[in-house]
N, C-alpha and C. Protein backbone atom coordinates (compact mmCIF):
# COMPACT_ATOMS: atom_id res chain seq x y z
N MET A 1 118.37 91.21 92.82
CA MET A 1 119.34 92.23 92.54
C MET A 1 120.38 91.66 91.61
N ASP A 2 120.74 92.37 90.60
CA ASP A 2 121.73 91.88 89.66
C ASP A 2 122.91 92.86 89.63
N VAL A 3 124.08 92.35 89.88
CA VAL A 3 125.27 93.19 89.88
C VAL A 3 126.21 92.70 88.79
N ASP A 4 126.69 93.60 88.03
CA ASP A 4 127.58 93.21 86.95
C ASP A 4 128.87 94.03 87.09
N ARG A 5 129.98 93.35 87.32
CA ARG A 5 131.25 94.06 87.41
C ARG A 5 131.57 94.63 86.07
N ASP A 6 131.81 95.94 86.04
CA ASP A 6 132.04 96.60 84.79
C ASP A 6 133.36 97.36 84.91
N LEU A 7 134.43 96.78 84.42
CA LEU A 7 135.74 97.43 84.44
C LEU A 7 135.95 98.06 83.07
N THR A 8 136.01 99.35 83.05
CA THR A 8 136.09 100.08 81.79
C THR A 8 137.36 100.92 81.77
N GLU A 9 138.09 100.74 80.71
CA GLU A 9 139.21 101.63 80.46
C GLU A 9 138.98 102.28 79.10
N GLN A 10 139.02 103.58 79.09
CA GLN A 10 138.81 104.32 77.85
C GLN A 10 140.07 105.07 77.51
N GLN A 11 140.55 104.88 76.32
CA GLN A 11 141.73 105.64 75.88
C GLN A 11 141.38 106.33 74.57
N GLN A 12 141.53 107.63 74.55
CA GLN A 12 141.24 108.41 73.40
C GLN A 12 142.54 108.81 72.72
N ASP A 13 142.47 109.28 71.53
CA ASP A 13 143.66 109.73 70.82
C ASP A 13 144.01 111.17 71.15
N SER A 14 143.65 111.58 72.34
CA SER A 14 143.98 112.94 72.77
C SER A 14 145.00 112.90 73.90
N ALA A 15 145.45 114.08 74.29
CA ALA A 15 146.44 114.18 75.36
C ALA A 15 145.76 113.88 76.74
N ASN A 16 144.45 113.89 76.78
CA ASN A 16 143.72 113.71 78.05
C ASN A 16 143.12 112.28 78.08
N ASP A 17 143.96 111.27 78.14
CA ASP A 17 143.50 109.90 78.23
C ASP A 17 142.65 109.73 79.51
N ILE A 18 141.57 108.97 79.40
CA ILE A 18 140.69 108.76 80.55
C ILE A 18 140.80 107.32 80.97
N HIS A 19 141.01 107.09 82.24
CA HIS A 19 141.02 105.75 82.78
C HIS A 19 139.95 105.71 83.89
N ALA A 20 138.95 104.87 83.72
CA ALA A 20 137.87 104.84 84.68
C ALA A 20 137.46 103.39 84.94
N ALA A 21 136.94 103.14 86.12
CA ALA A 21 136.43 101.82 86.45
C ALA A 21 135.18 102.03 87.28
N GLY A 22 134.27 101.07 87.18
CA GLY A 22 133.05 101.19 87.94
C GLY A 22 132.40 99.82 88.14
N ILE A 23 131.51 99.77 89.07
CA ILE A 23 130.72 98.58 89.35
C ILE A 23 129.29 98.96 89.06
N THR A 24 128.68 98.27 88.09
CA THR A 24 127.32 98.53 87.68
C THR A 24 126.41 97.71 88.59
N ILE A 25 125.38 98.38 89.15
CA ILE A 25 124.48 97.77 90.11
C ILE A 25 123.05 98.01 89.66
N GLN A 26 122.26 96.95 89.61
CA GLN A 26 120.83 97.08 89.32
C GLN A 26 120.10 97.07 90.65
N LEU A 27 119.38 98.16 90.94
CA LEU A 27 118.63 98.25 92.19
C LEU A 27 117.30 97.48 92.05
N LYS A 28 116.67 97.22 93.20
CA LYS A 28 115.46 96.41 93.18
C LYS A 28 114.30 97.11 92.43
N ASP A 29 114.38 98.44 92.28
CA ASP A 29 113.32 99.13 91.56
C ASP A 29 113.60 99.15 90.03
N GLY A 30 114.67 98.47 89.63
CA GLY A 30 115.02 98.36 88.23
C GLY A 30 116.04 99.35 87.70
N ARG A 31 116.30 100.40 88.50
CA ARG A 31 117.30 101.39 88.06
C ARG A 31 118.68 100.75 88.06
N VAL A 32 119.51 101.20 87.14
CA VAL A 32 120.88 100.74 87.07
C VAL A 32 121.77 101.96 87.39
N VAL A 33 122.67 101.77 88.32
CA VAL A 33 123.58 102.84 88.75
C VAL A 33 125.00 102.32 88.65
N CYS A 34 125.91 103.27 88.56
CA CYS A 34 127.34 102.88 88.48
C CYS A 34 128.10 103.53 89.65
N ALA A 35 128.79 102.69 90.41
CA ALA A 35 129.65 103.17 91.48
C ALA A 35 131.05 103.33 90.92
N SER A 36 131.57 104.52 90.89
CA SER A 36 132.89 104.79 90.34
C SER A 36 133.96 104.42 91.37
N VAL A 37 134.97 103.73 90.90
CA VAL A 37 136.13 103.43 91.73
C VAL A 37 137.38 103.60 90.83
N THR A 38 138.51 103.75 91.44
CA THR A 38 139.72 103.87 90.64
C THR A 38 140.05 102.51 90.03
N PRO A 39 140.60 102.50 88.82
CA PRO A 39 140.99 101.23 88.22
C PRO A 39 141.98 100.46 89.08
N GLU A 40 142.88 101.16 89.74
CA GLU A 40 143.86 100.50 90.59
C GLU A 40 143.19 99.74 91.73
N LEU A 41 142.20 100.40 92.38
CA LEU A 41 141.53 99.74 93.48
C LEU A 41 140.75 98.51 93.00
N LEU A 42 140.03 98.65 91.91
CA LEU A 42 139.25 97.51 91.41
C LEU A 42 140.18 96.37 90.96
N ASN A 43 141.33 96.70 90.37
CA ASN A 43 142.28 95.67 90.00
C ASN A 43 142.82 94.95 91.26
N LYS A 44 143.12 95.67 92.31
CA LYS A 44 143.57 95.06 93.56
C LYS A 44 142.51 94.09 94.11
N VAL A 45 141.26 94.57 94.14
CA VAL A 45 140.16 93.75 94.62
C VAL A 45 140.06 92.46 93.79
N MET A 46 140.11 92.61 92.46
CA MET A 46 139.94 91.44 91.59
C MET A 46 141.10 90.47 91.61
N GLN A 47 142.27 90.92 92.14
CA GLN A 47 143.38 90.03 92.34
C GLN A 47 143.21 89.20 93.60
N SER A 48 142.36 89.67 94.49
CA SER A 48 142.15 89.02 95.78
C SER A 48 140.90 88.15 95.85
N ILE A 49 139.85 88.55 95.15
CA ILE A 49 138.58 87.78 95.21
C ILE A 49 138.06 87.59 93.81
N SER A 50 137.17 86.62 93.66
CA SER A 50 136.59 86.34 92.34
C SER A 50 135.48 87.34 92.04
N ALA A 51 135.04 87.34 90.80
CA ALA A 51 133.93 88.22 90.39
C ALA A 51 132.65 87.80 91.14
N ASP A 52 132.47 86.49 91.37
CA ASP A 52 131.29 86.04 92.12
C ASP A 52 131.33 86.52 93.59
N GLU A 53 132.53 86.51 94.17
CA GLU A 53 132.65 86.99 95.56
C GLU A 53 132.40 88.50 95.62
N LEU A 54 132.88 89.24 94.64
CA LEU A 54 132.60 90.68 94.59
C LEU A 54 131.11 90.92 94.44
N ASN A 55 130.48 90.14 93.58
CA ASN A 55 129.03 90.22 93.35
C ASN A 55 128.28 90.00 94.68
N THR A 56 128.69 88.96 95.44
CA THR A 56 128.06 88.69 96.73
C THR A 56 128.21 89.85 97.73
N LEU A 57 129.41 90.41 97.75
CA LEU A 57 129.68 91.56 98.64
C LEU A 57 128.85 92.76 98.26
N VAL A 58 128.84 93.12 96.97
CA VAL A 58 128.10 94.28 96.51
C VAL A 58 126.61 94.09 96.73
N CYS A 59 126.09 92.88 96.48
CA CYS A 59 124.67 92.59 96.70
C CYS A 59 124.31 92.78 98.16
N ALA A 60 125.16 92.28 99.05
CA ALA A 60 124.89 92.41 100.50
C ALA A 60 124.84 93.87 100.93
N ILE A 61 125.73 94.66 100.41
CA ILE A 61 125.76 96.10 100.75
C ILE A 61 124.55 96.79 100.17
N THR A 62 124.22 96.47 98.91
CA THR A 62 123.07 97.10 98.26
C THR A 62 121.77 96.76 99.01
N GLU A 63 121.60 95.51 99.38
CA GLU A 63 120.40 95.08 100.11
C GLU A 63 120.34 95.79 101.48
N ALA A 64 121.46 95.92 102.15
CA ALA A 64 121.47 96.58 103.45
C ALA A 64 121.11 98.07 103.34
N VAL A 65 121.50 98.68 102.24
CA VAL A 65 121.17 100.09 102.06
C VAL A 65 119.67 100.24 101.66
N GLU A 66 119.19 99.38 100.77
CA GLU A 66 117.81 99.49 100.31
C GLU A 66 116.77 98.99 101.29
N ASP A 67 117.14 98.00 102.11
CA ASP A 67 116.26 97.44 103.10
C ASP A 67 117.00 97.29 104.41
N PRO A 68 117.22 98.41 105.15
CA PRO A 68 118.01 98.34 106.38
C PRO A 68 117.34 97.45 107.42
N ASP A 69 118.17 96.73 108.17
CA ASP A 69 117.71 95.87 109.25
C ASP A 69 118.49 96.29 110.48
N ALA A 70 117.83 96.91 111.44
CA ALA A 70 118.48 97.46 112.62
C ALA A 70 118.90 96.39 113.63
N ARG A 71 118.43 95.15 113.44
CA ARG A 71 118.78 94.09 114.37
C ARG A 71 120.29 93.76 114.27
N GLY A 72 120.83 93.30 115.35
CA GLY A 72 122.24 92.86 115.34
C GLY A 72 122.37 91.61 114.52
N LEU A 73 123.62 91.32 114.12
CA LEU A 73 123.89 90.12 113.30
C LEU A 73 123.41 88.85 113.98
N CYS A 74 123.57 88.76 115.31
CA CYS A 74 123.19 87.53 116.05
C CYS A 74 121.70 87.34 116.05
N GLN A 75 120.91 88.38 115.82
CA GLN A 75 119.45 88.27 115.88
C GLN A 75 118.84 88.02 114.51
N ARG A 76 119.61 87.95 113.47
CA ARG A 76 119.09 87.73 112.13
C ARG A 76 119.00 86.27 111.80
């Protein structure tokens, strides 16, 4: 699984400036999806943990969703 933190800010020359942030995730079947988050939230996260730590967290969540394991943490 490959996760790439993608912080995107888009500013147009219009009155409707767009500010967006997302985390790009490559699923095990090869599809790439983007999880949208507010730029403020992603900035807070990135002030607290490194990109590698965020990658580890996102990978763990993605793996748990794609391959659920009903056993308790002590049994793994």
